[in-house]
Amino acid sequence: MSAAWFDELTRELERQLEGFLDDHPSQRELLEREEQAEAQRRRQRRLLEIAAAADLERQRLLGLSGEIRQWRERVDRARSAAATDLADRAEEHLGRLMGQGREGWQALAALGEEDARLRAEINRRETVTEPAPVSVGDQLEQDWAAFEADQDLHELRRRQAR
């Protein structure tokens, strides 16, 4: 069976939602505010993920630095004992470990940059001024608009169920 019917249904539902939101600007504002709040929550969650990933990378780099130190000593001991072949192989391994270290530092720097970018976005969004308080009459209008929107939404759902 083709997915065309699903695409058509999706387009129709989107069209009806847009019509509903056009008829009820307060609902559009509520939807936009909720979308912005959800985006902020996603940014906050990503910051936590970044912090955890950065902590893991730091731990890995600490372990790697101990391994690098150990292999440097091994290279020096092999060279001192004139075990050239062994020293060369140990030095190659040391080079690979140091490459892993560079990659780890680059990954840590990238996490730091993403963290800074997200924090700037969060701060920018949080400094947007809140709307001025509404009067009692305005609140009644908003509540009435929300009631009408809710009624229209129930009617739309009822029609969809048919």
N, C-alpha and C. Protein backbone atom coordinates (compact mmCIF):
# COMPACT_ATOMS: atom_id res chain seq x y z
N MET A 1 0.84 -1.17 0.00
CA MET A 1 0.00 0.00 0.00
C MET A 1 0.89 1.25 0.00
N SER A 2 0.49 2.23 -0.73
CA SER A 2 1.27 3.45 -0.88
C SER A 2 1.12 4.35 0.34
N ALA A 3 2.14 5.13 0.58
CA ALA A 3 2.11 6.07 1.71
C ALA A 3 1.46 7.39 1.30
N ALA A 4 0.94 7.47 0.08
CA ALA A 4 0.35 8.71 -0.41
C ALA A 4 -0.84 9.13 0.45
N TRP A 5 -1.65 8.19 0.89
CA TRP A 5 -2.82 8.55 1.71
C TRP A 5 -2.38 9.17 3.03
N PHE A 6 -1.26 8.66 3.57
CA PHE A 6 -0.75 9.22 4.83
C PHE A 6 -0.22 10.64 4.61
N ASP A 7 0.48 10.82 3.50
CA ASP A 7 0.98 12.17 3.17
C ASP A 7 -0.17 13.13 2.99
N GLU A 8 -1.21 12.69 2.31
CA GLU A 8 -2.39 13.53 2.09
C GLU A 8 -3.07 13.86 3.43
N LEU A 9 -3.19 12.88 4.29
CA LEU A 9 -3.78 13.10 5.61
C LEU A 9 -2.94 14.09 6.41
N THR A 10 -1.64 13.93 6.36
CA THR A 10 -0.74 14.85 7.07
C THR A 10 -0.91 16.27 6.56
N ARG A 11 -0.96 16.44 5.23
CA ARG A 11 -1.14 17.78 4.67
C ARG A 11 -2.48 18.38 5.09
N GLU A 12 -3.52 17.56 5.09
CA GLU A 12 -4.85 18.04 5.47
C GLU A 12 -4.87 18.46 6.94
N LEU A 13 -4.27 17.65 7.79
CA LEU A 13 -4.23 18.01 9.22
C LEU A 13 -3.41 19.28 9.44
N GLU A 14 -2.31 19.42 8.74
CA GLU A 14 -1.50 20.63 8.86
C GLU A 14 -2.28 21.85 8.38
N ARG A 15 -3.03 21.69 7.29
CA ARG A 15 -3.85 22.79 6.77
C ARG A 15 -4.91 23.19 7.79
N GLN A 16 -5.57 22.20 8.39
CA GLN A 16 -6.59 22.49 9.39
C GLN A 16 -5.99 23.14 10.64
N LEU A 17 -4.83 22.67 11.04
CA LEU A 17 -4.16 23.28 12.20
C LEU A 17 -3.81 24.73 11.90
N GLU A 18 -3.27 24.99 10.72
CA GLU A 18 -2.94 26.37 10.34
C GLU A 18 -4.19 27.24 10.32
N GLY A 19 -5.29 26.70 9.80
CA GLY A 19 -6.55 27.46 9.80
C GLY A 19 -7.01 27.76 11.22
N PHE A 20 -6.91 26.76 12.07
CA PHE A 20 -7.28 26.94 13.47
C PHE A 20 -6.42 28.01 14.13
N LEU A 21 -5.11 27.93 13.90
CA LEU A 21 -4.20 28.91 14.51
C LEU A 21 -4.41 30.30 13.92
N ASP A 22 -4.75 30.38 12.63
CA ASP A 22 -5.06 31.69 12.04
C ASP A 22 -6.29 32.30 12.69
N ASP A 23 -7.27 31.45 13.01
CA ASP A 23 -8.50 31.93 13.65
C ASP A 23 -8.32 32.24 15.13
N HIS A 24 -7.27 31.71 15.74
CA HIS A 24 -7.03 31.87 17.17
C HIS A 24 -5.57 32.25 17.43
N PRO A 25 -5.26 33.54 17.22
CA PRO A 25 -3.87 33.98 17.38
C PRO A 25 -3.30 33.70 18.77
N SER A 26 -4.14 33.73 19.79
CA SER A 26 -3.63 33.47 21.15
C SER A 26 -3.13 32.03 21.26
N GLN A 27 -3.76 31.12 20.56
CA GLN A 27 -3.31 29.72 20.58
C GLN A 27 -1.99 29.58 19.83
N ARG A 28 -1.85 30.37 18.76
CA ARG A 28 -0.58 30.35 18.02
C ARG A 28 0.54 30.84 18.94
N GLU A 29 0.27 31.92 19.68
CA GLU A 29 1.28 32.44 20.61
C GLU A 29 1.63 31.40 21.67
N LEU A 30 0.62 30.72 22.21
CA LEU A 30 0.88 29.68 23.21
C LEU A 30 1.73 28.56 22.61
N LEU A 31 1.40 28.16 21.39
CA LEU A 31 2.15 27.10 20.71
C LEU A 31 3.59 27.54 20.49
N GLU A 32 3.79 28.78 20.04
CA GLU A 32 5.15 29.27 19.80
C GLU A 32 5.94 29.34 21.10
N ARG A 33 5.29 29.81 22.18
CA ARG A 33 5.98 29.86 23.47
C ARG A 33 6.36 28.46 23.94
N GLU A 34 5.46 27.51 23.75
CA GLU A 34 5.76 26.14 24.16
C GLU A 34 6.90 25.56 23.32
N GLU A 35 6.90 25.86 22.03
CA GLU A 35 8.00 25.39 21.17
C GLU A 35 9.33 25.99 21.62
N GLN A 36 9.32 27.27 21.99
CA GLN A 36 10.54 27.92 22.47
C GLN A 36 10.99 27.30 23.79
N ALA A 37 10.03 27.03 24.67
CA ALA A 37 10.37 26.42 25.96
C ALA A 37 10.94 25.02 25.75
N GLU A 38 10.38 24.27 24.82
CA GLU A 38 10.89 22.93 24.53
C GLU A 38 12.30 23.00 23.95
N ALA A 39 12.53 23.99 23.10
CA ALA A 39 13.88 24.16 22.54
C ALA A 39 14.87 24.47 23.67
N GLN A 40 14.47 25.28 24.63
CA GLN A 40 15.34 25.58 25.77
C GLN A 40 15.61 24.31 26.58
N ARG A 41 14.58 23.49 26.79
CA ARG A 41 14.78 22.25 27.53
C ARG A 41 15.74 21.32 26.78
N ARG A 42 15.61 21.27 25.46
CA ARG A 42 16.54 20.44 24.67
C ARG A 42 17.96 20.97 24.81
N ARG A 43 18.13 22.28 24.80
CA ARG A 43 19.47 22.86 24.97
C ARG A 43 20.04 22.50 26.35
N GLN A 44 19.21 22.59 27.37
CA GLN A 44 19.66 22.26 28.73
C GLN A 44 20.07 20.79 28.82
N ARG A 45 19.26 19.91 28.21
CA ARG A 45 19.61 18.48 28.21
C ARG A 45 20.92 18.25 27.47
N ARG A 46 21.11 18.93 26.35
CA ARG A 46 22.35 18.77 25.59
C ARG A 46 23.55 19.24 26.40
N LEU A 47 23.37 20.33 27.18
CA LEU A 47 24.47 20.79 28.05
C LEU A 47 24.86 19.70 29.05
N LEU A 48 23.88 19.01 29.60
CA LEU A 48 24.17 17.92 30.53
C LEU A 48 24.92 16.79 29.81
N GLU A 49 24.48 16.47 28.59
CA GLU A 49 25.17 15.44 27.81
C GLU A 49 26.61 15.85 27.51
N ILE A 50 26.80 17.11 27.17
CA ILE A 50 28.15 17.61 26.87
C ILE A 50 29.03 17.50 28.11
N ALA A 51 28.49 17.89 29.27
CA ALA A 51 29.27 17.83 30.50
C ALA A 51 29.68 16.39 30.80
N ALA A 52 28.76 15.46 30.60
CA ALA A 52 29.08 14.05 30.86
C ALA A 52 30.13 13.54 29.86
N ALA A 53 29.96 13.90 28.59
CA ALA A 53 30.92 13.46 27.57
C ALA A 53 32.30 14.07 27.83
N ALA A 54 32.33 15.34 28.24
CA ALA A 54 33.60 16.00 28.52
C ALA A 54 34.28 15.34 29.71
N ASP A 55 33.50 14.98 30.71
CA ASP A 55 34.08 14.31 31.88
C ASP A 55 34.67 12.96 31.49
N LEU A 56 33.95 12.20 30.68
CA LEU A 56 34.48 10.91 30.21
C LEU A 56 35.76 11.11 29.40
N GLU A 57 35.77 12.12 28.53
CA GLU A 57 36.95 12.36 27.70
C GLU A 57 38.14 12.77 28.57
N ARG A 58 37.90 13.59 29.60
CA ARG A 58 38.99 13.97 30.51
C ARG A 58 39.56 12.74 31.22
N GLN A 59 38.68 11.86 31.67
CA GLN A 59 39.13 10.64 32.34
C GLN A 59 39.95 9.78 31.39
N ARG A 60 39.49 9.67 30.15
CA ARG A 60 40.21 8.89 29.15
C ARG A 60 41.58 9.50 28.89
N LEU A 61 41.63 10.83 28.79
CA LEU A 61 42.91 11.50 28.55
C LEU A 61 43.87 11.32 29.72
N LEU A 62 43.34 11.32 30.94
CA LEU A 62 44.19 11.09 32.11
C LEU A 62 44.81 9.69 32.06
N GLY A 63 43.99 8.72 31.73
CA GLY A 63 44.50 7.35 31.59
C GLY A 63 45.50 7.24 30.46
N LEU A 64 45.22 7.91 29.37
CA LEU A 64 46.11 7.89 28.22
C LEU A 64 47.45 8.56 28.55
N SER A 65 47.41 9.62 29.34
CA SER A 65 48.67 10.29 29.68
C SER A 65 49.56 9.37 30.51
N GLY A 66 48.97 8.57 31.39
CA GLY A 66 49.76 7.60 32.14
C GLY A 66 50.37 6.56 31.23
N GLU A 67 49.59 6.13 30.24
CA GLU A 67 50.09 5.14 29.29
C GLU A 67 51.22 5.74 28.44
N ILE A 68 51.07 6.98 28.04
CA ILE A 68 52.11 7.65 27.24
C ILE A 68 53.40 7.75 28.06
N ARG A 69 53.27 8.15 29.30
CA ARG A 69 54.44 8.26 30.18
C ARG A 69 55.15 6.90 30.29
N GLN A 70 54.36 5.85 30.47
CA GLN A 70 54.92 4.50 30.60
C GLN A 70 55.66 4.09 29.31
N TRP A 71 55.09 4.36 28.14
CA TRP A 71 55.73 3.97 26.89
C TRP A 71 56.94 4.83 26.58
N ARG A 72 56.95 6.08 27.03
CA ARG A 72 58.16 6.91 26.86
C ARG A 72 59.31 6.29 27.64
N GLU A 73 59.02 5.87 28.86
CA GLU A 73 60.06 5.22 29.68
C GLU A 73 60.54 3.94 29.02
N ARG A 74 59.61 3.20 28.44
CA ARG A 74 60.00 1.95 27.77
C ARG A 74 60.88 2.23 26.56
N VAL A 75 60.54 3.25 25.79
CA VAL A 75 61.37 3.62 24.64
C VAL A 75 62.77 3.97 25.12
N ASP A 76 62.85 4.80 26.16
CA ASP A 76 64.16 5.20 26.70
C ASP A 76 64.96 3.99 27.20
N ARG A 77 64.30 3.08 27.91
CA ARG A 77 65.00 1.89 28.41
C ARG A 77 65.49 1.02 27.26
N ALA A 78 64.65 0.85 26.24
CA ALA A 78 65.06 0.02 25.09
C ALA A 78 66.22 0.67 24.35
N ARG A 79 66.17 1.99 24.19
CA ARG A 79 67.28 2.69 23.51
C ARG A 79 68.56 2.57 24.35
N SER A 80 68.45 2.71 25.67
CA SER A 80 69.62 2.59 26.56
C SER A 80 70.23 1.21 26.50
N ALA A 81 69.39 0.20 26.28
CA ALA A 81 69.88 -1.17 26.21
C ALA A 81 70.24 -1.57 24.79
N ALA A 82 70.22 -0.62 23.86
CA ALA A 82 70.56 -0.86 22.46
C ALA A 82 69.63 -1.88 21.79
N ALA A 83 68.37 -1.95 22.28
CA ALA A 83 67.37 -2.82 21.65
C ALA A 83 66.61 -1.97 20.63
N THR A 84 67.27 -1.67 19.55
CA THR A 84 66.78 -0.72 18.55
C THR A 84 65.43 -1.13 17.97
N ASP A 85 65.28 -2.40 17.59
CA ASP A 85 64.03 -2.87 16.99
C ASP A 85 62.87 -2.68 17.98
N LEU A 86 63.09 -3.11 19.21
CA LEU A 86 62.06 -2.96 20.23
C LEU A 86 61.76 -1.48 20.50
N ALA A 87 62.80 -0.65 20.55
CA ALA A 87 62.62 0.78 20.78
C ALA A 87 61.83 1.41 19.65
N ASP A 88 62.11 1.00 18.41
CA ASP A 88 61.38 1.56 17.26
C ASP A 88 59.90 1.19 17.31
N ARG A 89 59.62 -0.09 17.62
CA ARG A 89 58.22 -0.52 17.71
C ARG A 89 57.51 0.18 18.86
N ALA A 90 58.20 0.34 19.98
CA ALA A 90 57.61 1.04 21.13
C ALA A 90 57.36 2.51 20.78
N GLU A 91 58.27 3.09 20.01
CA GLU A 91 58.11 4.49 19.61
C GLU A 91 56.91 4.65 18.66
N GLU A 92 56.70 3.69 17.77
CA GLU A 92 55.53 3.72 16.89
C GLU A 92 54.25 3.67 17.72
N HIS A 93 54.25 2.77 18.70
CA HIS A 93 53.09 2.67 19.58
C HIS A 93 52.88 3.98 20.34
N LEU A 94 53.96 4.55 20.81
CA LEU A 94 53.89 5.84 21.51
C LEU A 94 53.30 6.91 20.60
N GLY A 95 53.68 6.91 19.33
CA GLY A 95 53.14 7.86 18.36
C GLY A 95 51.63 7.70 18.19
N ARG A 96 51.18 6.44 18.14
CA ARG A 96 49.73 6.18 18.03
C ARG A 96 49.00 6.69 19.27
N LEU A 97 49.58 6.43 20.44
CA LEU A 97 48.97 6.91 21.68
C LEU A 97 48.89 8.44 21.70
N MET A 98 49.95 9.09 21.26
CA MET A 98 49.96 10.55 21.23
C MET A 98 48.93 11.08 20.22
N GLY A 99 48.76 10.36 19.12
CA GLY A 99 47.71 10.73 18.15
C GLY A 99 46.33 10.64 18.78
N GLN A 100 46.12 9.57 19.56
CA GLN A 100 44.84 9.44 20.27
C GLN A 100 44.66 10.60 21.25
N GLY A 101 45.74 11.01 21.87
CA GLY A 101 45.68 12.14 22.80
C GLY A 101 45.30 13.43 22.08
N ARG A 102 45.90 13.67 20.92
CA ARG A 102 45.55 14.88 20.15
C ARG A 102 44.08 14.86 19.75
N GLU A 103 43.61 13.68 19.31
CA GLU A 103 42.20 13.55 18.93
C GLU A 103 41.30 13.80 20.13
N GLY A 104 41.71 13.30 21.28
CA GLY A 104 40.93 13.52 22.50
C GLY A 104 40.85 14.98 22.88
N TRP A 105 41.98 15.69 22.77
CA TRP A 105 41.99 17.12 23.07
C TRP A 105 41.14 17.89 22.07
N GLN A 106 41.17 17.48 20.81
CA GLN A 106 40.32 18.14 19.81
C GLN A 106 38.84 17.89 20.11
N ALA A 107 38.51 16.66 20.49
CA ALA A 107 37.12 16.35 20.84
C ALA A 107 36.68 17.17 22.05
N LEU A 108 37.56 17.29 23.03
CA LEU A 108 37.26 18.08 24.23
C LEU A 108 37.05 19.55 23.86
N ALA A 109 37.89 20.07 22.97
CA ALA A 109 37.74 21.47 22.53
C ALA A 109 36.41 21.66 21.79
N ALA A 110 36.04 20.68 20.95
CA ALA A 110 34.77 20.79 20.22
C ALA A 110 33.59 20.79 21.20
N LEU A 111 33.67 19.94 22.22
CA LEU A 111 32.61 19.94 23.25
C LEU A 111 32.55 21.29 23.96
N GLY A 112 33.71 21.86 24.24
CA GLY A 112 33.75 23.17 24.88
C GLY A 112 33.12 24.25 24.02
N GLU A 113 33.40 24.20 22.72
CA GLU A 113 32.81 25.18 21.80
C GLU A 113 31.30 25.02 21.73
N GLU A 114 30.82 23.78 21.66
CA GLU A 114 29.38 23.55 21.62
C GLU A 114 28.73 24.01 22.91
N ASP A 115 29.38 23.73 24.03
CA ASP A 115 28.88 24.17 25.33
C ASP A 115 28.73 25.69 25.35
N ALA A 116 29.77 26.40 24.91
CA ALA A 116 29.74 27.87 24.90
C ALA A 116 28.63 28.39 23.99
N ARG A 117 28.47 27.77 22.83
CA ARG A 117 27.43 28.19 21.89
C ARG A 117 26.05 28.00 22.49
N LEU A 118 25.81 26.84 23.10
CA LEU A 118 24.51 26.57 23.72
C LEU A 118 24.22 27.52 24.88
N ARG A 119 25.23 27.77 25.70
CA ARG A 119 25.04 28.69 26.82
C ARG A 119 24.70 30.10 26.32
N ALA A 120 25.34 30.51 25.24
CA ALA A 120 25.03 31.83 24.67
C ALA A 120 23.59 31.86 24.15
N GLU A 121 23.16 30.78 23.50
CA GLU A 121 21.77 30.71 23.01
C GLU A 121 20.79 30.75 24.17
N ILE A 122 21.08 29.98 25.21
CA ILE A 122 20.19 29.95 26.36
C ILE A 122 20.10 31.34 27.00
N ASN A 123 21.25 31.97 27.19
CA ASN A 123 21.25 33.31 27.79
C ASN A 123 20.51 34.31 26.91
N ARG A 124 20.70 34.21 25.60
CA ARG A 124 20.03 35.11 24.67
C ARG A 124 18.51 34.93 24.76
N ARG A 125 18.06 33.69 24.83
CA ARG A 125 16.61 33.41 24.92
C ARG A 125 16.04 33.85 26.26
N GLU A 126 16.81 33.67 27.33
CA GLU A 126 16.31 34.01 28.67
C GLU A 126 16.26 35.51 28.89
N THR A 127 17.06 36.28 28.15
CA THR A 127 17.05 37.72 28.34
C THR A 127 15.97 38.42 27.53
N VAL A 128 15.27 37.65 26.68
CA VAL A 128 14.15 38.25 25.96
C VAL A 128 13.11 38.64 27.00
N THR A 129 12.67 39.87 26.93
CA THR A 129 11.75 40.38 27.95
C THR A 129 10.41 39.68 27.86
N GLU A 130 9.84 39.46 29.01
CA GLU A 130 8.51 38.87 29.10
C GLU A 130 7.48 39.93 28.73
N PRO A 131 6.30 39.52 28.23
CA PRO A 131 5.28 40.50 27.92
C PRO A 131 4.80 41.21 29.19
N ALA A 132 4.32 42.41 29.01
CA ALA A 132 3.82 43.19 30.15
C ALA A 132 2.63 42.49 30.76
N PRO A 133 2.42 42.66 32.09
CA PRO A 133 1.27 42.03 32.73
C PRO A 133 -0.03 42.49 32.08
N VAL A 134 -1.00 41.59 32.05
CA VAL A 134 -2.27 41.93 31.42
C VAL A 134 -3.27 42.36 32.47
N SER A 135 -4.18 43.22 32.04
CA SER A 135 -5.22 43.69 32.96
C SER A 135 -6.27 42.60 33.12
N VAL A 136 -7.20 42.82 34.07
CA VAL A 136 -8.26 41.83 34.32
C VAL A 136 -9.12 41.66 33.08
N GLY A 137 -9.44 42.77 32.40
CA GLY A 137 -10.24 42.69 31.17
C GLY A 137 -9.52 41.93 30.08
N ASP A 138 -8.22 42.21 29.93
CA ASP A 138 -7.43 41.50 28.94
C ASP A 138 -7.36 40.02 29.26
N GLN A 139 -7.22 39.70 30.55
CA GLN A 139 -7.15 38.30 30.96
C GLN A 139 -8.45 37.59 30.64
N LEU A 140 -9.58 38.26 30.87
CA LEU A 140 -10.88 37.68 30.55
C LEU A 140 -10.97 37.40 29.05
N GLU A 141 -10.50 38.36 28.25
CA GLU A 141 -10.50 38.17 26.79
C GLU A 141 -9.64 36.96 26.40
N GLN A 142 -8.47 36.87 27.01
CA GLN A 142 -7.58 35.75 26.72
C GLN A 142 -8.21 34.43 27.14
N ASP A 143 -8.82 34.42 28.33
CA ASP A 143 -9.48 33.19 28.80
C ASP A 143 -10.63 32.82 27.89
N TRP A 144 -11.41 33.82 27.44
CA TRP A 144 -12.52 33.53 26.54
C TRP A 144 -12.00 33.00 25.21
N ALA A 145 -10.94 33.60 24.69
CA ALA A 145 -10.36 33.13 23.43
C ALA A 145 -9.86 31.69 23.58
N ALA A 146 -9.26 31.39 24.73
CA ALA A 146 -8.79 30.02 24.97
C ALA A 146 -9.96 29.05 25.03
N PHE A 147 -11.07 29.48 25.67
CA PHE A 147 -12.27 28.64 25.74
C PHE A 147 -12.81 28.37 24.35
N GLU A 148 -12.93 29.42 23.53
CA GLU A 148 -13.43 29.25 22.17
C GLU A 148 -12.50 28.34 21.35
N ALA A 149 -11.23 28.53 21.52
CA ALA A 149 -10.26 27.71 20.80
C ALA A 149 -10.41 26.25 21.20
N ASP A 150 -10.59 26.01 22.49
CA ASP A 150 -10.78 24.66 22.98
C ASP A 150 -12.05 24.04 22.41
N GLN A 151 -13.12 24.83 22.37
CA GLN A 151 -14.37 24.34 21.79
C GLN A 151 -14.19 24.01 20.31
N ASP A 152 -13.52 24.90 19.57
CA ASP A 152 -13.28 24.65 18.15
C ASP A 152 -12.42 23.41 17.93
N LEU A 153 -11.44 23.23 18.81
CA LEU A 153 -10.58 22.06 18.70
C LEU A 153 -11.38 20.78 18.93
N HIS A 154 -12.27 20.79 19.92
CA HIS A 154 -13.11 19.62 20.17
C HIS A 154 -14.00 19.34 18.96
N GLU A 155 -14.54 20.39 18.35
CA GLU A 155 -15.39 20.23 17.17
C GLU A 155 -14.57 19.66 16.01
N LEU A 156 -13.36 20.15 15.83
CA LEU A 156 -12.49 19.66 14.77
C LEU A 156 -12.17 18.18 14.99
N ARG A 157 -11.88 17.81 16.21
CA ARG A 157 -11.60 16.39 16.52
C ARG A 157 -12.84 15.52 16.27
N ARG A 158 -14.00 16.05 16.63
CA ARG A 158 -15.23 15.29 16.43
C ARG A 158 -15.44 15.05 14.94
N ARG A 159 -15.21 16.09 14.11
CA ARG A 159 -15.36 15.94 12.66
C ARG A 159 -14.33 14.96 12.11
N GLN A 160 -13.12 14.98 12.65
CA GLN A 160 -12.06 14.09 12.19
C GLN A 160 -12.41 12.63 12.49
N ALA A 161 -13.08 12.41 13.62
CA ALA A 161 -13.41 11.06 14.04
C ALA A 161 -14.47 10.41 13.16
N ARG A 162 -15.22 11.22 12.45
CA ARG A 162 -16.28 10.66 11.58
C ARG A 162 -15.73 9.91 10.43
